[in-house]
PDB file of N, CA and C in Angstrom:
ATOM      1  N   MET A   1       0.852  -1.122   0.054  1.00  0.00           N
ATOM      2  CA  MET A   1       0.333  -0.125   0.071  1.00  0.00           C
ATOM      3  C   MET A   1       0.853   1.366   0.123  1.00  0.00           C
ATOM      4  N   THR A   2       0.768   1.726  -0.978  1.00  0.00           N
ATOM      5  CA  THR A   2       0.991   3.605  -0.983  1.00  0.00           C
ATOM      6  C   THR A   2       0.638   4.309  -0.516  1.00  0.00           C
ATOM      7  N   LEU A   3       1.060   5.627   0.315  1.00  0.00           N
ATOM      8  CA  LEU A   3       0.746   6.570   1.104  1.00  0.00           C
ATOM      9  C   LEU A   3      -0.611   6.992   1.278  1.00  0.00           C
ATOM     10  N   ASP A   4      -0.302   7.184  -0.347  1.00  0.00           N
ATOM     11  CA  ASP A   4      -1.647   7.804  -1.572  1.00  0.00           C
ATOM     12  C   ASP A   4      -2.985   6.932  -1.096  1.00  0.00           C
ATOM     13  N   GLU A   5      -2.525   5.635  -1.098  1.00  0.00           N
ATOM     14  CA  GLU A   5      -3.643   4.616  -1.276  1.00  0.00           C
ATOM     15  C   GLU A   5      -3.680   4.962   0.252  1.00  0.00           C
ATOM     16  N   TYR A   6      -3.308   4.807   1.409  1.00  0.00           N
ATOM     17  CA  TYR A   6      -3.591   4.861   2.581  1.00  0.00           C
ATOM     18  C   TYR A   6      -4.283   6.121   2.875  1.00  0.00           C
ATOM     19  N   ASN A   7      -4.027   7.039   2.584  1.00  0.00           N
ATOM     20  CA  ASN A   7      -4.549   8.334   2.648  1.00  0.00           C
ATOM     21  C   ASN A   7      -6.269   8.228   1.833  1.00  0.00           C
ATOM     22  N   ARG A   8      -6.259   8.022   0.954  1.00  0.00           N
ATOM     23  CA  ARG A   8      -7.364   7.442   0.038  1.00  0.00           C
ATOM     24  C   ARG A   8      -8.566   6.804   0.977  1.00  0.00           C
ATOM     25  N   PHE A   9      -7.927   5.907   1.209  1.00  0.00           N
ATOM     26  CA  PHE A   9      -8.890   4.743   1.852  1.00  0.00           C
ATOM     27  C   PHE A   9      -9.266   5.253   3.422  1.00  0.00           C
ATOM     28  N   CYS A  10      -8.106   5.975   3.867  1.00  0.00           N
ATOM     29  CA  CYS A  10      -8.886   6.636   5.299  1.00  0.00           C
ATOM     30  C   CYS A  10      -9.811   8.306   5.445  1.00  0.00           C
ATOM     31  N   THR A  11      -9.372   8.432   3.984  1.00  0.00           N
ATOM     32  CA  THR A  11     -10.570   9.490   4.077  1.00  0.00           C
ATOM     33  C   THR A  11     -11.974   9.281   3.335  1.00  0.00           C
ATOM     34  N   GLY A  12     -11.838   7.811   2.974  1.00  0.00           N
ATOM     35  CA  GLY A  12     -13.336   7.583   2.689  1.00  0.00           C
ATOM     36  C   GLY A  12     -14.271   6.914   4.057  1.00  0.00           C
ATOM     37  N   LEU A  13     -13.325   6.526   5.295  1.00  0.00           N
ATOM     38  CA  LEU A  13     -14.226   6.321   6.217  1.00  0.00           C
ATOM     39  C   LEU A  13     -14.824   7.277   6.948  1.00  0.00           C
ATOM     40  N   PRO A  14     -16.126   7.278   7.622  1.00  0.00           N
ATOM     41  CA  PRO A  14     -16.776   8.246   8.226  1.00  0.00           C
ATOM     42  C   PRO A  14     -16.051   9.169   9.368  1.00  0.00           C
ATOM     43  N   ALA A  15     -16.533  10.833   8.881  1.00  0.00           N
ATOM     44  CA  ALA A  15     -16.329  11.741  10.023  1.00  0.00           C
ATOM     45  C   ALA A  15     -14.922  11.636  10.484  1.00  0.00           C
ATOM     46  N   THR A  16     -13.688  11.747   9.367  1.00  0.00           N
ATOM     47  CA  THR A  16     -12.570  11.335   9.834  1.00  0.00           C
ATOM     48  C   THR A  16     -11.722  12.726   9.672  1.00  0.00           C
ATOM     49  N   THR A  17     -11.007  12.901  10.204  1.00  0.00           N
ATOM     50  CA  THR A  17      -9.674  14.355   9.619  1.00  0.00           C
ATOM     51  C   THR A  17      -8.303  13.566   9.865  1.00  0.00           C
ATOM     52  N   HIS A  18      -7.567  14.672   9.055  1.00  0.00           N
ATOM     53  CA  HIS A  18      -6.571  13.738   8.517  1.00  0.00           C
ATOM     54  C   HIS A  18      -5.458  14.861   9.100  1.00  0.00           C
ATOM     55  N   VAL A  19      -4.329  14.798   9.719  1.00  0.00           N
ATOM     56  CA  VAL A  19      -3.205  16.008   9.999  1.00  0.00           C
ATOM     57  C   VAL A  19      -1.711  15.005  10.203  1.00  0.00           C
ATOM     58  N   VAL A  20      -0.347  16.020   9.789  1.00  0.00           N
ATOM     59  CA  VAL A  20       0.605  15.234   9.427  1.00  0.00           C
ATOM     60  C   VAL A  20       1.154  16.015  10.278  1.00  0.00           C
ATOM     61  N   GLN A  21       1.821  14.942  11.225  1.00  0.00           N
ATOM     62  CA  GLN A  21       2.494  15.883  12.980  1.00  0.00           C
ATOM     63  C   GLN A  21       3.090  14.401  13.021  1.00  0.00           C
ATOM     64  N   TRP A  22       4.106  14.820  14.603  1.00  0.00           N
ATOM     65  CA  TRP A  22       4.841  13.600  14.544  1.00  0.00           C
ATOM     66  C   TRP A  22       5.979  13.473  13.990  1.00  0.00           C
ATOM     67  N   GLY A  23       6.738  14.718  13.220  1.00  0.00           N
ATOM     68  CA  GLY A  23       7.924  14.010  12.379  1.00  0.00           C
ATOM     69  C   GLY A  23       7.453  13.865  10.739  1.00  0.00           C
ATOM     70  N   GLY A  24       6.092  14.131  10.278  1.00  0.00           N
ATOM     71  CA  GLY A  24       5.932  13.648   8.843  1.00  0.00           C
ATOM     72  C   GLY A  24       4.953  12.321   9.237  1.00  0.00           C
ATOM     73  N   ALA A  25       4.458  11.781  10.253  1.00  0.00           N
ATOM     74  CA  ALA A  25       3.566  10.620  10.346  1.00  0.00           C
ATOM     75  C   ALA A  25       1.561  11.657   9.877  1.00  0.00           C
ATOM     76  N   HIS A  26       1.519  10.599   8.958  1.00  0.00           N
ATOM     77  CA  HIS A  26       0.159  10.697   8.361  1.00  0.00           C
ATOM     78  C   HIS A  26      -0.873  10.171   9.180  1.00  0.00           C
ATOM     79  N   VAL A  27      -1.550  11.142  10.184  1.00  0.00           N
ATOM     80  CA  VAL A  27      -2.121  10.539  11.411  1.00  0.00           C
ATOM     81  C   VAL A  27      -3.673  11.079  10.997  1.00  0.00           C
ATOM     82  N   TRP A  28      -4.638   9.809  11.204  1.00  0.00           N
ATOM     83  CA  TRP A  28      -5.892   9.541  10.908  1.00  0.00           C
ATOM     84  C   TRP A  28      -6.621  10.178  12.054  1.00  0.00           C
ATOM     85  N   LYS A  29      -7.896  10.733  12.296  1.00  0.00           N
ATOM     86  CA  LYS A  29      -8.878  10.990  13.777  1.00  0.00           C
ATOM     87  C   LYS A  29     -10.262  10.691  13.454  1.00  0.00           C
ATOM     88  N   VAL A  30     -10.648  10.308  14.635  1.00  0.00           N
ATOM     89  CA  VAL A  30     -12.429  10.104  14.340  1.00  0.00           C
ATOM     90  C   VAL A  30     -12.664  10.871  15.421  1.00  0.00           C
ATOM     91  N   GLY A  31     -13.486  11.609  15.667  1.00  0.00           N
ATOM     92  CA  GLY A  31     -14.193  12.551  16.628  1.00  0.00           C
ATOM     93  C   GLY A  31     -12.752  12.733  17.565  1.00  0.00           C
ATOM     94  N   GLY A  32     -11.815  13.436  16.764  1.00  0.00           N
ATOM     95  CA  GLY A  32     -10.208  13.599  17.572  1.00  0.00           C
ATOM     96  C   GLY A  32      -9.680  12.692  17.991  1.00  0.00           C
ATOM     97  N   LYS A  33      -9.934  11.774  18.133  1.00  0.00           N
ATOM     98  CA  LYS A  33      -9.194  10.635  18.568  1.00  0.00           C
ATOM     99  C   LYS A  33      -8.451   9.621  17.471  1.00  0.00           C
ATOM    100  N   VAL A  34      -7.476   9.311  17.429  1.00  0.00           N
ATOM    101  CA  VAL A  34      -6.416   9.111  16.600  1.00  0.00           C
ATOM    102  C   VAL A  34      -6.410   7.500  16.376  1.00  0.00           C
ATOM    103  N   PHE A  35      -6.968   6.893  14.942  1.00  0.00           N
ATOM    104  CA  PHE A  35      -7.232   5.532  14.743  1.00  0.00           C
ATOM    105  C   PHE A  35      -6.146   4.847  13.778  1.00  0.00           C
ATOM    106  N   ALA A  36      -5.380   5.682  13.324  1.00  0.00           N
ATOM    107  CA  ALA A  36      -4.345   5.544  12.031  1.00  0.00           C
ATOM    108  C   ALA A  36      -3.555   6.098  12.082  1.00  0.00           C
ATOM    109  N   ILE A  37      -2.014   5.721  12.191  1.00  0.00           N
ATOM    110  CA  ILE A  37      -1.018   6.705  11.829  1.00  0.00           C
ATOM    111  C   ILE A  37       0.179   5.689  10.629  1.00  0.00           C
ATOM    112  N   ALA A  38       0.993   5.952   9.867  1.00  0.00           N
ATOM    113  CA  ALA A  38       1.311   6.274   8.939  1.00  0.00           C
ATOM    114  C   ALA A  38       2.822   6.534   8.608  1.00  0.00           C
ATOM    115  N   GLY A  39       3.723   6.206   8.381  1.00  0.00           N
ATOM    116  CA  GLY A  39       5.012   6.825   7.732  1.00  0.00           C
ATOM    117  C   GLY A  39       6.063   5.871   7.435  1.00  0.00           C
ATOM    118  N   TRP A  40       7.038   6.204   7.336  1.00  0.00           N
ATOM    119  CA  TRP A  40       7.899   5.179   6.330  1.00  0.00           C
ATOM    120  C   TRP A  40       9.371   4.343   7.656  1.00  0.00           C
ATOM    121  N   THR A  41       9.309   3.230   7.257  1.00  0.00           N
ATOM    122  CA  THR A  41      10.754   2.386   8.055  1.00  0.00           C
ATOM    123  C   THR A  41      11.855   2.738   7.487  1.00  0.00           C
ATOM    124  N   GLU A  42      12.836   1.861   7.612  1.00  0.00           N
ATOM    125  CA  GLU A  42      14.044   2.356   7.366  1.00  0.00           C
ATOM    126  C   GLU A  42      14.561   1.961   5.659  1.00  0.00           C
ATOM    127  N   GLY A  43      13.398   1.185   5.833  1.00  0.00           N
ATOM    128  CA  GLY A  43      13.395   0.204   3.975  1.00  0.00           C
ATOM    129  C   GLY A  43      12.704   0.646   3.420  1.00  0.00           C
ATOM    130  N   GLU A  44      11.988   1.920   3.304  1.00  0.00           N
ATOM    131  CA  GLU A  44      11.036   3.067   2.473  1.00  0.00           C
ATOM    132  C   GLU A  44       9.779   2.186   2.392  1.00  0.00           C
ATOM    133  N   HIS A  45       9.456   1.235   3.117  1.00  0.00           N
ATOM    134  CA  HIS A  45       7.992   0.975   3.012  1.00  0.00           C
ATOM    135  C   HIS A  45       7.166   1.505   3.932  1.00  0.00           C
ATOM    136  N   LEU A  46       5.691   1.533   3.740  1.00  0.00           N
ATOM    137  CA  LEU A  46       4.881   2.404   4.433  1.00  0.00           C
ATOM    138  C   LEU A  46       4.800   1.646   5.765  1.00  0.00           C
ATOM    139  N   ALA A  47       4.965   1.816   6.870  1.00  0.00           N
ATOM    140  CA  ALA A  47       4.481   1.373   8.025  1.00  0.00           C
ATOM    141  C   ALA A  47       2.823   1.812   8.733  1.00  0.00           C
ATOM    142  N   VAL A  48       2.180   0.973   8.727  1.00  0.00           N
ATOM    143  CA  VAL A  48       0.720   1.739   9.478  1.00  0.00           C
ATOM    144  C   VAL A  48       0.878   1.314  10.289  1.00  0.00           C
ATOM    145  N   SER A  49       0.396   2.134  11.768  1.00  0.00           N
ATOM    146  CA  SER A  49      -0.131   1.057  12.904  1.00  0.00           C
ATOM    147  C   SER A  49      -1.376   1.623  13.357  1.00  0.00           C
ATOM    148  N   PHE A  50      -2.266   0.984  13.821  1.00  0.00           N
ATOM    149  CA  PHE A  50      -3.699   0.813  14.072  1.00  0.00           C
ATOM    150  C   PHE A  50      -3.930  -0.200  15.323  1.00  0.00           C
ATOM    151  N   LYS A  51      -5.369   0.508  15.910  1.00  0.00           N
ATOM    152  CA  LYS A  51      -5.915  -0.087  17.159  1.00  0.00           C
ATOM    153  C   LYS A  51      -6.345  -1.071  16.399  1.00  0.00           C
ATOM    154  N   VAL A  52      -6.268  -2.426  17.792  1.00  0.00           N
ATOM    155  CA  VAL A  52      -6.700  -3.819  17.403  1.00  0.00           C
ATOM    156  C   VAL A  52      -7.581  -4.365  18.821  1.00  0.00           C
ATOM    157  N   SER A  53      -8.418  -5.326  18.800  1.00  0.00           N
ATOM    158  CA  SER A  53      -8.667  -5.938  19.753  1.00  0.00           C
ATOM    159  C   SER A  53      -7.781  -6.650  20.675  1.00  0.00           C
ATOM    160  N   GLU A  54      -7.682  -7.272  21.464  1.00  0.00           N
ATOM    161  CA  GLU A  54      -6.994  -8.219  22.478  1.00  0.00           C
ATOM    162  C   GLU A  54      -6.905  -8.792  21.878  1.00  0.00           C
ATOM    163  N   LEU A  55      -7.457  -9.869  21.295  1.00  0.00           N
ATOM    164  CA  LEU A  55      -7.330 -10.808  20.641  1.00  0.00           C
ATOM    165  C   LEU A  55      -7.007 -10.583  19.214  1.00  0.00           C
ATOM    166  N   ALA A  56      -6.926  -9.593  18.830  1.00  0.00           N
ATOM    167  CA  ALA A  56      -6.107  -9.458  17.560  1.00  0.00           C
ATOM    168  C   ALA A  56      -4.477  -9.421  17.756  1.00  0.00           C
ATOM    169  N   TYR A  57      -4.351  -8.169  19.213  1.00  0.00           N
ATOM    170  CA  TYR A  57      -3.394  -7.891  19.082  1.00  0.00           C
ATOM    171  C   TYR A  57      -2.220  -9.240  19.423  1.00  0.00           C
ATOM    172  N   GLU A  58      -2.729 -10.082  20.103  1.00  0.00           N
ATOM    173  CA  GLU A  58      -1.687 -11.340  20.439  1.00  0.00           C
ATOM    174  C   GLU A  58      -1.851 -12.295  19.134  1.00  0.00           C
ATOM    175  N   VAL A  59      -2.408 -12.330  18.385  1.00  0.00           N
ATOM    176  CA  VAL A  59      -1.852 -13.134  17.375  1.00  0.00           C
ATOM    177  C   VAL A  59      -1.105 -12.272  16.033  1.00  0.00           C
ATOM    178  N   LEU A  60      -1.725 -10.784  15.620  1.00  0.00           N
ATOM    179  CA  LEU A  60      -0.367 -10.019  15.100  1.00  0.00           C
ATOM    180  C   LEU A  60       0.291  -9.543  15.292  1.00  0.00           C
ATOM    181  N   ARG A  61       0.771  -9.661  16.622  1.00  0.00           N
ATOM    182  CA  ARG A  61       2.108  -8.816  17.358  1.00  0.00           C
ATOM    183  C   ARG A  61       3.085 -10.698  16.946  1.00  0.00           C
ATOM    184  N   GLU A  62       2.215 -11.207  16.964  1.00  0.00           N
ATOM    185  CA  GLU A  62       3.489 -12.701  16.343  1.00  0.00           C
ATOM    186  C   GLU A  62       3.779 -13.184  14.414  1.00  0.00           C
ATOM    187  N   GLN A  63       3.101 -12.327  14.084  1.00  0.00           N
ATOM    188  CA  GLN A  63       3.129 -12.438  12.492  1.00  0.00           C
ATOM    189  C   GLN A  63       4.011 -12.149  12.249  1.00  0.00           C
ATOM    190  N   PRO A  64       4.978 -12.502  10.952  1.00  0.00           N
ATOM    191  CA  PRO A  64       5.989 -11.726  10.177  1.00  0.00           C
ATOM    192  C   PRO A  64       5.522 -10.476   9.525  1.00  0.00           C
ATOM    193  N   GLY A  65       6.359  -9.051   9.637  1.00  0.00           N
ATOM    194  CA  GLY A  65       5.585  -8.245   9.002  1.00  0.00           C
ATOM    195  C   GLY A  65       4.431  -7.296  10.289  1.00  0.00           C
ATOM    196  N   CYS A  66       4.841  -7.677  11.118  1.00  0.00           N
ATOM    197  CA  CYS A  66       4.080  -6.930  12.305  1.00  0.00           C
ATOM    198  C   CYS A  66       4.382  -6.765  13.281  1.00  0.00           C
ATOM    199  N   ARG A  67       4.094  -5.772  14.165  1.00  0.00           N
ATOM    200  CA  ARG A  67       4.988  -5.783  15.732  1.00  0.00           C
ATOM    201  C   ARG A  67       4.210  -4.892  16.630  1.00  0.00           C
ATOM    202  N   PRO A  68       4.218  -5.209  17.976  1.00  0.00           N
ATOM    203  CA  PRO A  68       3.656  -3.903  18.831  1.00  0.00           C
ATOM    204  C   PRO A  68       4.032  -2.463  17.917  1.00  0.00           C
ATOM    205  N   ALA A  69       2.943  -1.999  18.136  1.00  0.00           N
ATOM    206  CA  ALA A  69       3.336  -0.592  17.381  1.00  0.00           C
ATOM    207  C   ALA A  69       4.070   0.366  18.142  1.00  0.00           C
ATOM    208  N   PRO A  70       5.227   0.896  18.039  1.00  0.00           N
ATOM    209  CA  PRO A  70       6.512   1.492  18.887  1.00  0.00           C
ATOM    210  C   PRO A  70       5.527   2.844  19.390  1.00  0.00           C
ATOM    211  N   TYR A  71       5.940   3.190  20.977  1.00  0.00           N
ATOM    212  CA  TYR A  71       5.353   3.855  21.706  1.00  0.00           C
ATOM    213  C   TYR A  71       3.951   3.463  22.122  1.00  0.00           C
ATOM    214  N   LEU A  72       2.543   3.179  21.381  1.00  0.00           N
ATOM    215  CA  LEU A  72       1.572   2.921  21.795  1.00  0.00           C
ATOM    216  C   LEU A  72       1.886   1.505  22.537  1.00  0.00           C
ATOM    217  N   ALA A  73       2.317   0.498  22.609  1.00  0.00           N
ATOM    218  CA  ALA A  73       1.871  -0.658  22.808  1.00  0.00           C
ATOM    219  C   ALA A  73       2.901  -1.028  23.869  1.00  0.00           C
ATOM    220  N   SER A  74       3.855  -0.169  24.172  1.00  0.00           N
ATOM    221  CA  SER A  74       4.696  -0.134  25.209  1.00  0.00           C
ATOM    222  C   SER A  74       3.814   0.517  26.517  1.00  0.00           C
ATOM    223  N   ARG A  75       2.414   1.096  26.301  1.00  0.00           N
ATOM    224  CA  ARG A  75       1.820   1.877  26.907  1.00  0.00           C
ATOM    225  C   ARG A  75       0.603   1.428  27.255  1.00  0.00           C
ATOM    226  N   GLY A  76       0.879  -0.270  26.736  1.00  0.00           N
ATOM    227  CA  GLY A  76      -0.404  -1.198  27.423  1.00  0.00           C
ATOM    228  C   GLY A  76      -1.888  -0.736  26.459  1.00  0.00           C
ATOM    229  N   MET A  77      -0.888  -0.532  25.088  1.00  0.00           N
ATOM    230  CA  MET A  77      -2.431  -0.229  24.261  1.00  0.00           C
ATOM    231  C   MET A  77      -2.284  -1.085  23.127  1.00  0.00           C
ATOM    232  N   THR A  78      -3.542  -1.644  22.853  1.00  0.00           N
ATOM    233  CA  THR A  78      -3.338  -2.398  22.170  1.00  0.00           C
ATOM    234  C   THR A  78      -3.044  -2.383  20.720  1.00  0.00           C
ATOM    235  N   TRP A  79      -2.392  -1.543  20.118  1.00  0.00           N
ATOM    236  CA  TRP A  79      -1.849  -1.020  18.840  1.00  0.00           C
ATOM    237  C   TRP A  79      -0.959  -2.101  18.026  1.00  0.00           C
ATOM    238  N   ILE A  80      -0.629  -2.297  16.617  1.00  0.00           N
ATOM    239  CA  ILE A  80      -0.213  -3.157  16.102  1.00  0.00           C
ATOM    240  C   ILE A  80       0.249  -1.780  14.702  1.00  0.00           C
ATOM    241  N   GLN A  81       1.642  -2.329  14.535  1.00  0.00           N
ATOM    242  CA  GLN A  81       2.467  -1.830  13.372  1.00  0.00           C
ATOM    243  C   GLN A  81       2.621  -2.806  12.299  1.00  0.00           C
ATOM    244  N   ARG A  82       2.120  -2.639  11.201  1.00  0.00           N
ATOM    245  CA  ARG A  82       2.376  -3.280   9.891  1.00  0.00           C
ATOM    246  C   ARG A  82       3.203  -2.939   9.353  1.00  0.00           C
ATOM    247  N   VAL A  83       4.651  -3.801   9.180  1.00  0.00           N
ATOM    248  CA  VAL A  83       5.676  -2.811   8.466  1.00  0.00           C
ATOM    249  C   VAL A  83       6.064  -3.733   6.968  1.00  0.00           C
ATOM    250  N   SER A  84       5.813  -4.618   6.989  1.00  0.00           N
ATOM    251  CA  SER A  84       5.233  -5.266   5.558  1.00  0.00           C
ATOM    252  C   SER A  84       4.069  -6.100   5.387  1.00  0.00           C
ATOM    253  N   SER A  85       4.115  -6.819   4.214  1.00  0.00           N
ATOM    254  CA  SER A  85       3.066  -7.462   4.100  1.00  0.00           C
ATOM    255  C   SER A  85       3.060  -8.495   3.962  1.00  0.00           C
ATOM    256  N   GLN A  86       3.944  -8.859   4.102  1.00  0.00           N
ATOM    257  CA  GLN A  86       4.342 -10.736   4.785  1.00  0.00           C
ATOM    258  C   GLN A  86       3.054 -11.443   4.939  1.00  0.00           C
ATOM    259  N   SER A  87       2.491 -11.328   6.174  1.00  0.00           N
ATOM    260  CA  SER A  87       1.070 -11.640   6.506  1.00  0.00           C
ATOM    261  C   SER A  87       0.159 -10.794   6.472  1.00  0.00           C
ATOM    262  N   VAL A  88      -0.231  -9.817   6.493  1.00  0.00           N
ATOM    263  CA  VAL A  88      -1.201  -8.606   6.223  1.00  0.00           C
ATOM    264  C   VAL A  88      -0.998  -8.159   5.274  1.00  0.00           C
ATOM    265  N   ASP A  89      -1.773  -8.908   3.701  1.00  0.00           N
ATOM    266  CA  ASP A  89      -1.749  -7.566   2.768  1.00  0.00           C
ATOM    267  C   ASP A  89      -2.771  -6.529   2.908  1.00  0.00           C
ATOM    268  N   ASP A  90      -2.703  -6.168   1.743  1.00  0.00           N
ATOM    269  CA  ASP A  90      -3.252  -4.523   1.630  1.00  0.00           C
ATOM    270  C   ASP A  90      -5.026  -4.408   1.919  1.00  0.00           C
ATOM    271  N   ALA A  91      -5.127  -5.559   1.547  1.00  0.00           N
ATOM    272  CA  ALA A  91      -7.138  -6.286   1.496  1.00  0.00           C
ATOM    273  C   ALA A  91      -7.291  -6.316   3.231  1.00  0.00           C
ATOM    274  N   ALA A  92      -6.173  -6.748   3.749  1.00  0.00           N
ATOM    275  CA  ALA A  92      -6.536  -7.153   4.949  1.00  0.00           C
ATOM    276  C   ALA A  92      -6.090  -5.871   5.936  1.00  0.00           C
ATOM    277  N   LEU A  93      -5.337  -5.080   5.333  1.00  0.00           N
ATOM    278  CA  LEU A  93      -4.989  -4.077   6.072  1.00  0.00           C
ATOM    279  C   LEU A  93      -6.199  -2.597   6.260  1.00  0.00           C
ATOM    280  N   MET A  94      -6.608  -3.100   4.924  1.00  0.00           N
ATOM    281  CA  MET A  94      -7.614  -1.943   4.644  1.00  0.00           C
ATOM    282  C   MET A  94      -9.108  -2.390   6.021  1.00  0.00           C
ATOM    283  N   ASP A  95      -9.182  -4.060   6.005  1.00  0.00           N
ATOM    284  CA  ASP A  95     -10.092  -4.145   7.333  1.00  0.00           C
ATOM    285  C   ASP A  95      -9.683  -3.723   8.583  1.00  0.00           C
ATOM    286  N   TYR A  96      -8.330  -3.887   8.798  1.00  0.00           N
ATOM    287  CA  TYR A  96      -8.061  -3.677   9.930  1.00  0.00           C
ATOM    288  C   TYR A  96      -7.712  -2.005  10.296  1.00  0.00           C
ATOM    289  N   LEU A  97      -7.835  -1.083   9.486  1.00  0.00           N
ATOM    290  CA  LEU A  97      -8.136  -0.176   9.484  1.00  0.00           C
ATOM    291  C   LEU A  97      -9.275   0.644   9.539  1.00  0.00           C
ATOM    292  N   ALA A  98     -10.654  -0.056   8.728  1.00  0.00           N
ATOM    293  CA  ALA A  98     -12.059   0.514   9.498  1.00  0.00           C
ATOM    294  C   ALA A  98     -12.290  -0.274  10.413  1.00  0.00           C
ATOM    295  N   GLU A  99     -11.867  -1.511  11.104  1.00  0.00           N
ATOM    296  CA  GLU A  99     -11.881  -1.946  12.330  1.00  0.00           C
ATOM    297  C   GLU A  99     -11.439  -1.145  13.516  1.00  0.00           C
ATOM    298  N   SER A 100     -10.082  -0.683  13.256  1.00  0.00           N
ATOM    299  CA  SER A 100      -9.592   0.585  14.033  1.00  0.00           C
ATOM    300  C   SER A 100     -10.664   1.850  13.991  1.00  0.00           C
ATOM    301  N   HIS A 101     -10.853   2.306  13.313  1.00  0.00           N
ATOM    302  CA  HIS A 101     -12.071   3.224  12.973  1.00  0.00           C
ATOM    303  C   HIS A 101     -13.354   2.715  14.091  1.00  0.00           C
ATOM    304  N   ARG A 102     -13.901   2.007  13.775  1.00  0.00           N
ATOM    305  CA  ARG A 102     -14.564   1.506  14.440  1.00  0.00           C
ATOM    306  C   ARG A 102     -14.804   1.212  15.857  1.00  0.00           C
ATOM    307  N   LEU A 103     -13.646   0.677  16.676  1.00  0.00           N
ATOM    308  CA  LEU A 103     -13.289   0.684  17.869  1.00  0.00           C
ATOM    309  C   LEU A 103     -12.989   2.049  18.684  1.00  0.00           C
ATOM    310  N   VAL A 104     -12.225   3.137  17.715  1.00  0.00           N
ATOM    311  CA  VAL A 104     -12.232   4.279  18.184  1.00  0.00           C
ATOM    312  C   VAL A 104     -13.360   4.964  18.535  1.00  0.00           C
ATOM    313  N   ALA A 105     -14.173   4.723  17.284  1.00  0.00           N
ATOM    314  CA  ALA A 105     -15.624   5.748  16.890  1.00  0.00           C
ATOM    315  C   ALA A 105     -16.440   5.099  18.627  1.00  0.00           C
ATOM    316  N   CYS A 106     -16.486   3.834  18.414  1.00  0.00           N
ATOM    317  CA  CYS A 106     -17.855   3.280  19.526  1.00  0.00           C
ATOM    318  C   CYS A 106     -17.136   3.678  20.996  1.00  0.00           C
ATOM    319  N   LYS A 107     -15.766   4.670  21.287  1.00  0.00           N
ATOM    320  CA  LYS A 107     -15.314   4.483  22.252  1.00  0.00           C
ATOM    321  C   LYS A 107     -15.701   6.271  22.733  1.00  0.00           C
ATOM    322  N   LEU A 108     -16.363   7.145  21.512  1.00  0.00           N
ATOM    323  CA  LEU A 108     -16.431   8.366  21.931  1.00  0.00           C
ATOM    324  C   LEU A 108     -17.475   8.843  22.419  1.00  0.00           C
ATOM    325  N   PRO A 109     -18.192   9.778  23.470  1.00  0.00           N
ATOM    326  CA  PRO A 109     -18.930   9.797  23.561  1.00  0.00           C
ATOM    327  C   PRO A 109     -20.132   9.377  23.245  1.00  0.00           C
ATOM    328  N   LYS A 110     -21.574   9.423  23.241  1.00  0.00           N
ATOM    329  CA  LYS A 110     -22.861   9.155  22.874  1.00  0.00           C
ATOM    330  C   LYS A 110     -23.217  10.485  21.948  1.00  0.00           C
ATOM    331  N   LYS A 111     -22.988  11.807  22.489  1.00  0.00           N
ATOM    332  CA  LYS A 111     -23.193  12.914  22.118  1.00  0.00           C
ATOM    333  C   LYS A 111     -22.309  12.780  20.896  1.00  0.00           C
ATOM    334  N   THR A 112     -20.910  12.842  20.934  1.00  0.00           N
ATOM    335  CA  THR A 112     -19.817  13.370  19.894  1.00  0.00           C
ATOM    336  C   THR A 112     -20.501  12.229  18.488  1.00  0.00           C
ATOM    337  N   GLN A 113     -20.907  10.892  18.846  1.00  0.00           N
ATOM    338  CA  GLN A 113     -21.054   9.885  18.333  1.00  0.00           C
ATOM    339  C   GLN A 113     -22.188  10.237  17.187  1.00  0.00           C
ATOM    340  N   ARG A 114     -23.007  11.180  18.224  1.00  0.00           N
ATOM    341  CA  ARG A 114     -24.174  11.843  17.276  1.00  0.00           C
ATOM    342  C   ARG A 114     -24.084  12.770  16.318  1.00  0.00           C
ATOM    343  N   ALA A 115     -23.559  13.976  16.908  1.00  0.00           N
ATOM    344  CA  ALA A 115     -22.898  14.912  16.535  1.00  0.00           C
ATOM    345  C   ALA A 115     -22.159  14.524  14.970  1.00  0.00           C
ATOM    346  N   LEU A 116     -21.656  13.579  15.028  1.00  0.00           N
ATOM    347  CA  LEU A 116     -20.755  13.114  13.847  1.00  0.00           C
ATOM    348  C   LEU A 116     -21.722  12.042  12.925  1.00  0.00           C
ATOM    349  N   GLY A 117     -22.551  11.546  13.101  1.00  0.00           N
ATOM    350  CA  GLY A 117     -23.526  11.071  12.237  1.00  0.00           C
ATOM    351  C   GLY A 117     -23.079   9.406  12.821  1.00  0.00           C
ATOM    352  N   LEU A 118     -22.635   8.901  13.948  1.00  0.00           N
ATOM    353  CA  LEU A 118     -21.678   7.814  13.751  1.00  0.00           C
ATOM    354  C   LEU A 118     -22.566   6.337  14.647  1.00  0.00           C
ATOM    355  N   GLU A 119     -23.689   7.162  15.159  1.00  0.00           N
ATOM    356  CA  GLU A 119     -24.581   6.630  15.626  1.00  0.00           C
ATOM    357  C   GLU A 119     -25.073   5.377  15.247  1.00  0.00           C
ATOM    358  N   ALA A 120     -24.973   4.124  15.582  1.00  0.00           N
ATOM    359  CA  ALA A 120     -26.248   2.784  14.746  1.00  0.00           C
ATOM    360  C   ALA A 120     -27.181   3.252  14.730  1.00  0.00           C
TER     361      ALA A 120
END
């Protein structure tokens, strides 16, 4: 996945905002809360970090091409960083990004969810 493909996918999710921060990382938020972060690894491959369930975290952290997301996972958060498509291809990454968006949106206050049109 290229940076343009990543940004195009994330912009298609409901009520998202985009900012470039933290040394050039492309950060996507819903309701002001981060759900995806992308930047470059040493090998010029796009590294994408995203929130996952506890079960998905336990599985993905052991998969080739994935690792606990730097900074976030070390603070007890269930975030994974995909550094290559070795075990998570682009289609699966898009599914994980959509799920990350959902997980973060579900934790927003109900009033914020309503204001953003995210209530089910």
